[in-house]
N, C-alpha and C. Protein backbone atom coordinates (compact mmCIF):
# COMPACT_ATOMS: atom_id res chain seq x y z
N UNK A 1 41.55 9.84 -117.76
CA UNK A 1 42.72 10.70 -117.90
C UNK A 1 42.43 12.08 -117.31
N UNK A 2 41.28 12.63 -117.66
CA UNK A 2 40.93 13.95 -117.16
C UNK A 2 40.80 13.92 -115.64
N UNK A 3 40.25 12.84 -115.11
CA UNK A 3 40.09 12.70 -113.67
C UNK A 3 41.46 12.73 -112.98
N UNK A 4 42.43 12.04 -113.53
CA UNK A 4 43.78 12.04 -112.96
C UNK A 4 44.39 13.44 -113.00
N UNK A 5 44.17 14.13 -114.11
CA UNK A 5 44.70 15.49 -114.25
C UNK A 5 44.09 16.41 -113.20
N UNK A 6 42.79 16.27 -112.97
CA UNK A 6 42.12 17.10 -111.97
C UNK A 6 42.64 16.78 -110.57
N UNK A 7 42.84 15.49 -110.28
CA UNK A 7 43.38 15.11 -108.97
C UNK A 7 44.78 15.67 -108.78
N UNK A 8 45.60 15.62 -109.82
CA UNK A 8 46.96 16.14 -109.73
C UNK A 8 46.93 17.64 -109.48
N UNK A 9 45.99 18.34 -110.11
CA UNK A 9 45.87 19.78 -109.91
C UNK A 9 45.45 20.11 -108.49
N UNK A 10 44.59 19.27 -107.91
CA UNK A 10 44.14 19.50 -106.54
C UNK A 10 45.26 19.39 -105.52
N UNK A 11 46.25 18.55 -105.79
CA UNK A 11 47.36 18.42 -104.85
C UNK A 11 48.49 19.39 -105.17
N UNK A 12 48.27 20.26 -106.15
CA UNK A 12 49.25 21.29 -106.44
C UNK A 12 50.25 20.96 -107.53
N UNK A 13 50.06 19.86 -108.24
CA UNK A 13 50.97 19.50 -109.32
C UNK A 13 50.34 19.91 -110.65
N UNK A 14 50.97 20.84 -111.37
CA UNK A 14 50.40 21.31 -112.64
C UNK A 14 50.67 20.32 -113.77
N UNK A 15 49.93 19.23 -113.80
CA UNK A 15 50.19 18.11 -114.72
C UNK A 15 50.19 18.54 -116.19
N UNK A 16 49.19 19.29 -116.61
CA UNK A 16 49.11 19.69 -118.02
C UNK A 16 50.29 20.58 -118.39
N UNK A 17 50.62 21.54 -117.55
CA UNK A 17 51.75 22.42 -117.83
C UNK A 17 53.06 21.64 -117.90
N UNK A 18 53.22 20.65 -117.04
CA UNK A 18 54.45 19.85 -117.05
C UNK A 18 54.52 18.95 -118.28
N UNK A 19 53.38 18.46 -118.74
CA UNK A 19 53.36 17.68 -119.97
C UNK A 19 53.75 18.56 -121.15
N UNK A 20 53.18 19.75 -121.22
CA UNK A 20 53.52 20.68 -122.31
C UNK A 20 54.99 21.09 -122.25
N UNK A 21 55.50 21.30 -121.05
CA UNK A 21 56.92 21.64 -120.89
C UNK A 21 57.80 20.50 -121.39
N UNK A 22 57.42 19.27 -121.10
CA UNK A 22 58.20 18.11 -121.55
C UNK A 22 58.19 18.00 -123.07
N UNK A 23 57.05 18.26 -123.68
CA UNK A 23 56.97 18.25 -125.15
C UNK A 23 57.87 19.33 -125.72
N UNK A 24 57.80 20.52 -125.15
CA UNK A 24 58.62 21.65 -125.59
C UNK A 24 60.11 21.33 -125.46
N UNK A 25 60.52 20.82 -124.32
CA UNK A 25 61.94 20.52 -124.08
C UNK A 25 62.44 19.42 -125.00
N UNK A 26 61.60 18.46 -125.29
CA UNK A 26 62.00 17.35 -126.16
C UNK A 26 62.34 17.85 -127.55
N UNK A 27 61.56 18.80 -128.05
CA UNK A 27 61.83 19.30 -129.41
C UNK A 27 63.07 20.17 -129.45
N UNK A 28 63.48 20.70 -128.31
CA UNK A 28 64.66 21.57 -128.29
C UNK A 28 65.96 20.82 -128.01
N UNK A 29 65.87 19.56 -127.60
CA UNK A 29 67.08 18.79 -127.34
C UNK A 29 67.70 18.31 -128.65
N UNK A 30 68.99 18.14 -128.65
CA UNK A 30 69.69 17.66 -129.84
C UNK A 30 69.70 16.14 -129.82
N UNK A 31 68.76 15.54 -130.52
CA UNK A 31 68.63 14.08 -130.52
C UNK A 31 69.63 13.40 -131.44
N UNK A 32 70.46 14.19 -132.12
CA UNK A 32 71.49 13.59 -132.96
C UNK A 32 72.61 13.03 -132.10
N UNK A 33 72.71 13.51 -130.87
CA UNK A 33 73.70 12.97 -129.94
C UNK A 33 73.25 11.59 -129.52
N UNK A 34 74.16 10.80 -129.02
CA UNK A 34 73.81 9.45 -128.57
C UNK A 34 73.00 9.55 -127.28
N UNK A 35 71.70 9.44 -127.40
CA UNK A 35 70.82 9.58 -126.25
C UNK A 35 70.47 8.23 -125.63
N UNK A 36 70.78 7.15 -126.30
CA UNK A 36 70.50 5.83 -125.75
C UNK A 36 69.03 5.47 -125.82
N UNK A 37 68.71 4.35 -125.22
CA UNK A 37 67.35 3.83 -125.25
C UNK A 37 66.39 4.77 -124.52
N UNK A 38 66.78 5.26 -123.35
CA UNK A 38 65.91 6.16 -122.60
C UNK A 38 65.62 7.42 -123.41
N UNK A 39 66.64 7.98 -124.04
CA UNK A 39 66.44 9.17 -124.86
C UNK A 39 65.50 8.91 -126.03
N UNK A 40 65.65 7.75 -126.66
CA UNK A 40 64.77 7.39 -127.76
C UNK A 40 63.32 7.25 -127.29
N UNK A 41 63.13 6.63 -126.14
CA UNK A 41 61.77 6.47 -125.60
C UNK A 41 61.14 7.82 -125.26
N UNK A 42 61.91 8.70 -124.63
CA UNK A 42 61.39 10.02 -124.29
C UNK A 42 61.04 10.81 -125.54
N UNK A 43 61.87 10.68 -126.57
CA UNK A 43 61.59 11.37 -127.83
C UNK A 43 60.28 10.87 -128.44
N UNK A 44 60.07 9.57 -128.42
CA UNK A 44 58.83 9.01 -128.96
C UNK A 44 57.62 9.47 -128.13
N UNK A 45 57.74 9.43 -126.81
CA UNK A 45 56.62 9.81 -125.94
C UNK A 45 56.25 11.28 -126.02
N UNK A 46 57.26 12.15 -126.11
CA UNK A 46 57.01 13.58 -126.01
C UNK A 46 57.15 14.32 -127.34
N UNK A 47 57.02 13.61 -128.44
CA UNK A 47 56.96 14.25 -129.76
C UNK A 47 55.70 13.72 -130.44
N UNK A 48 54.54 14.27 -130.08
CA UNK A 48 53.28 13.72 -130.57
C UNK A 48 53.15 13.69 -132.09
N UNK A 49 53.73 14.64 -132.77
CA UNK A 49 53.58 14.69 -134.23
C UNK A 49 54.36 13.58 -134.93
N UNK A 50 55.24 12.90 -134.22
CA UNK A 50 56.02 11.84 -134.85
C UNK A 50 55.19 10.58 -135.11
N UNK A 51 54.01 10.52 -134.51
CA UNK A 51 53.13 9.38 -134.74
C UNK A 51 52.28 9.64 -135.97
N UNK A 52 52.31 8.72 -136.91
CA UNK A 52 51.54 8.92 -138.14
C UNK A 52 50.04 8.88 -137.88
N UNK A 53 49.62 8.39 -136.73
CA UNK A 53 48.20 8.30 -136.42
C UNK A 53 47.65 9.55 -135.73
N UNK A 54 48.52 10.46 -135.36
CA UNK A 54 48.10 11.67 -134.65
C UNK A 54 47.88 12.81 -135.64
N UNK A 55 46.82 12.72 -136.42
CA UNK A 55 46.55 13.75 -137.41
C UNK A 55 45.80 14.93 -136.81
N UNK A 56 45.10 14.70 -135.72
CA UNK A 56 44.30 15.76 -135.11
C UNK A 56 44.80 16.03 -133.69
N UNK A 57 46.01 16.58 -133.60
CA UNK A 57 46.59 16.88 -132.28
C UNK A 57 45.86 18.02 -131.61
N UNK A 58 45.76 17.96 -130.31
CA UNK A 58 45.21 19.08 -129.54
C UNK A 58 46.11 20.29 -129.79
N UNK A 59 45.52 21.45 -129.94
CA UNK A 59 46.26 22.66 -130.29
C UNK A 59 47.42 22.95 -129.32
N UNK A 60 47.19 22.74 -128.02
CA UNK A 60 48.23 23.00 -127.02
C UNK A 60 49.47 22.14 -127.25
N UNK A 61 49.26 20.87 -127.61
CA UNK A 61 50.39 19.97 -127.83
C UNK A 61 51.18 20.39 -129.06
N UNK A 62 50.46 20.75 -130.11
CA UNK A 62 51.13 21.18 -131.35
C UNK A 62 51.93 22.46 -131.11
N UNK A 63 51.36 23.39 -130.35
CA UNK A 63 52.07 24.64 -130.05
C UNK A 63 53.31 24.39 -129.20
N UNK A 64 53.21 23.50 -128.24
CA UNK A 64 54.36 23.18 -127.38
C UNK A 64 55.49 22.57 -128.20
N UNK A 65 55.13 21.81 -129.20
CA UNK A 65 56.13 21.15 -130.03
C UNK A 65 56.79 22.13 -131.01
N UNK A 66 56.12 23.24 -131.30
CA UNK A 66 56.64 24.19 -132.29
C UNK A 66 57.38 25.37 -131.68
N UNK A 67 57.61 25.37 -130.38
CA UNK A 67 58.34 26.48 -129.74
C UNK A 67 59.76 26.50 -130.30
N UNK A 68 60.16 27.66 -130.79
CA UNK A 68 61.51 27.72 -131.38
C UNK A 68 62.58 27.81 -130.31
N UNK A 69 63.81 27.59 -130.70
CA UNK A 69 64.93 27.53 -129.77
C UNK A 69 65.29 28.84 -129.10
N UNK A 70 64.71 29.95 -129.53
CA UNK A 70 65.03 31.24 -128.92
C UNK A 70 64.23 31.47 -127.63
N UNK A 71 63.22 30.67 -127.40
CA UNK A 71 62.40 30.81 -126.20
C UNK A 71 62.67 29.64 -125.27
N UNK A 72 62.68 29.90 -123.98
CA UNK A 72 62.93 28.85 -123.00
C UNK A 72 61.61 28.22 -122.56
N UNK A 73 61.58 26.91 -122.62
CA UNK A 73 60.38 26.18 -122.20
C UNK A 73 60.06 26.45 -120.74
N UNK A 74 61.08 26.60 -119.91
CA UNK A 74 60.87 26.84 -118.48
C UNK A 74 60.21 28.19 -118.22
N UNK A 75 60.39 29.15 -119.13
CA UNK A 75 59.73 30.44 -118.98
C UNK A 75 58.29 30.39 -119.50
N UNK A 76 58.09 29.68 -120.58
CA UNK A 76 56.75 29.56 -121.16
C UNK A 76 55.82 28.78 -120.23
N UNK A 77 56.33 27.70 -119.67
CA UNK A 77 55.55 26.83 -118.78
C UNK A 77 56.08 26.96 -117.35
N UNK A 78 56.07 28.18 -116.85
CA UNK A 78 56.70 28.49 -115.57
C UNK A 78 55.97 27.90 -114.36
N UNK A 79 54.71 27.52 -114.52
CA UNK A 79 54.01 26.92 -113.38
C UNK A 79 54.49 25.49 -113.10
N UNK A 80 55.22 24.92 -114.03
CA UNK A 80 55.81 23.60 -113.83
C UNK A 80 57.25 23.81 -113.38
N UNK A 81 57.48 23.66 -112.10
CA UNK A 81 58.80 23.93 -111.54
C UNK A 81 59.86 22.97 -112.07
N UNK A 82 59.52 21.68 -112.14
CA UNK A 82 60.46 20.67 -112.63
C UNK A 82 59.82 19.83 -113.71
N UNK A 83 60.44 19.79 -114.87
CA UNK A 83 59.99 18.94 -115.96
C UNK A 83 60.65 17.57 -115.87
N UNK A 84 60.28 16.70 -116.76
CA UNK A 84 60.80 15.33 -116.74
C UNK A 84 62.32 15.30 -116.87
N UNK A 85 62.89 16.20 -117.65
CA UNK A 85 64.34 16.19 -117.84
C UNK A 85 65.09 16.71 -116.62
N UNK A 86 64.44 17.51 -115.80
CA UNK A 86 65.06 17.95 -114.55
C UNK A 86 65.25 16.76 -113.61
N UNK A 87 64.28 15.87 -113.59
CA UNK A 87 64.38 14.70 -112.72
C UNK A 87 65.43 13.71 -113.22
N UNK A 88 65.67 13.71 -114.51
CA UNK A 88 66.65 12.79 -115.08
C UNK A 88 68.06 13.34 -115.00
N UNK A 89 68.22 14.66 -115.17
CA UNK A 89 69.55 15.23 -115.31
C UNK A 89 70.09 15.95 -114.09
N UNK A 90 69.25 16.28 -113.12
CA UNK A 90 69.72 16.98 -111.93
C UNK A 90 69.95 16.00 -110.78
N UNK A 91 70.97 16.22 -109.98
CA UNK A 91 71.13 15.39 -108.78
C UNK A 91 69.92 15.57 -107.86
N UNK A 92 69.56 14.53 -107.12
CA UNK A 92 68.36 14.54 -106.28
C UNK A 92 68.34 15.73 -105.32
N UNK A 93 69.47 16.06 -104.71
CA UNK A 93 69.47 17.14 -103.72
C UNK A 93 69.20 18.51 -104.35
N UNK A 94 69.38 18.66 -105.67
CA UNK A 94 69.11 19.93 -106.34
C UNK A 94 67.62 20.15 -106.58
N UNK A 95 66.82 19.11 -106.45
CA UNK A 95 65.38 19.24 -106.67
C UNK A 95 64.78 19.75 -105.41
């Protein structure tokens, strides 16, 4: 995993920052709306504390999940130009 992260960093993709941004954005979305199967899967993947087996989360992941709604994830994790939700919700030409 670390090797992949290092390779991604070498090609200019801030993998860790984008992962943290995705965790942050997931906690700020209103999951009470009908998000469908894809929304449910993204919520499970990017909400690490929802797993009962994750008792010792890495500090960065826990902090990303606790960002309150008054702060923008895109400003906190500004080195990640596009998060996972940008690829899902923006038309291709806007990327």
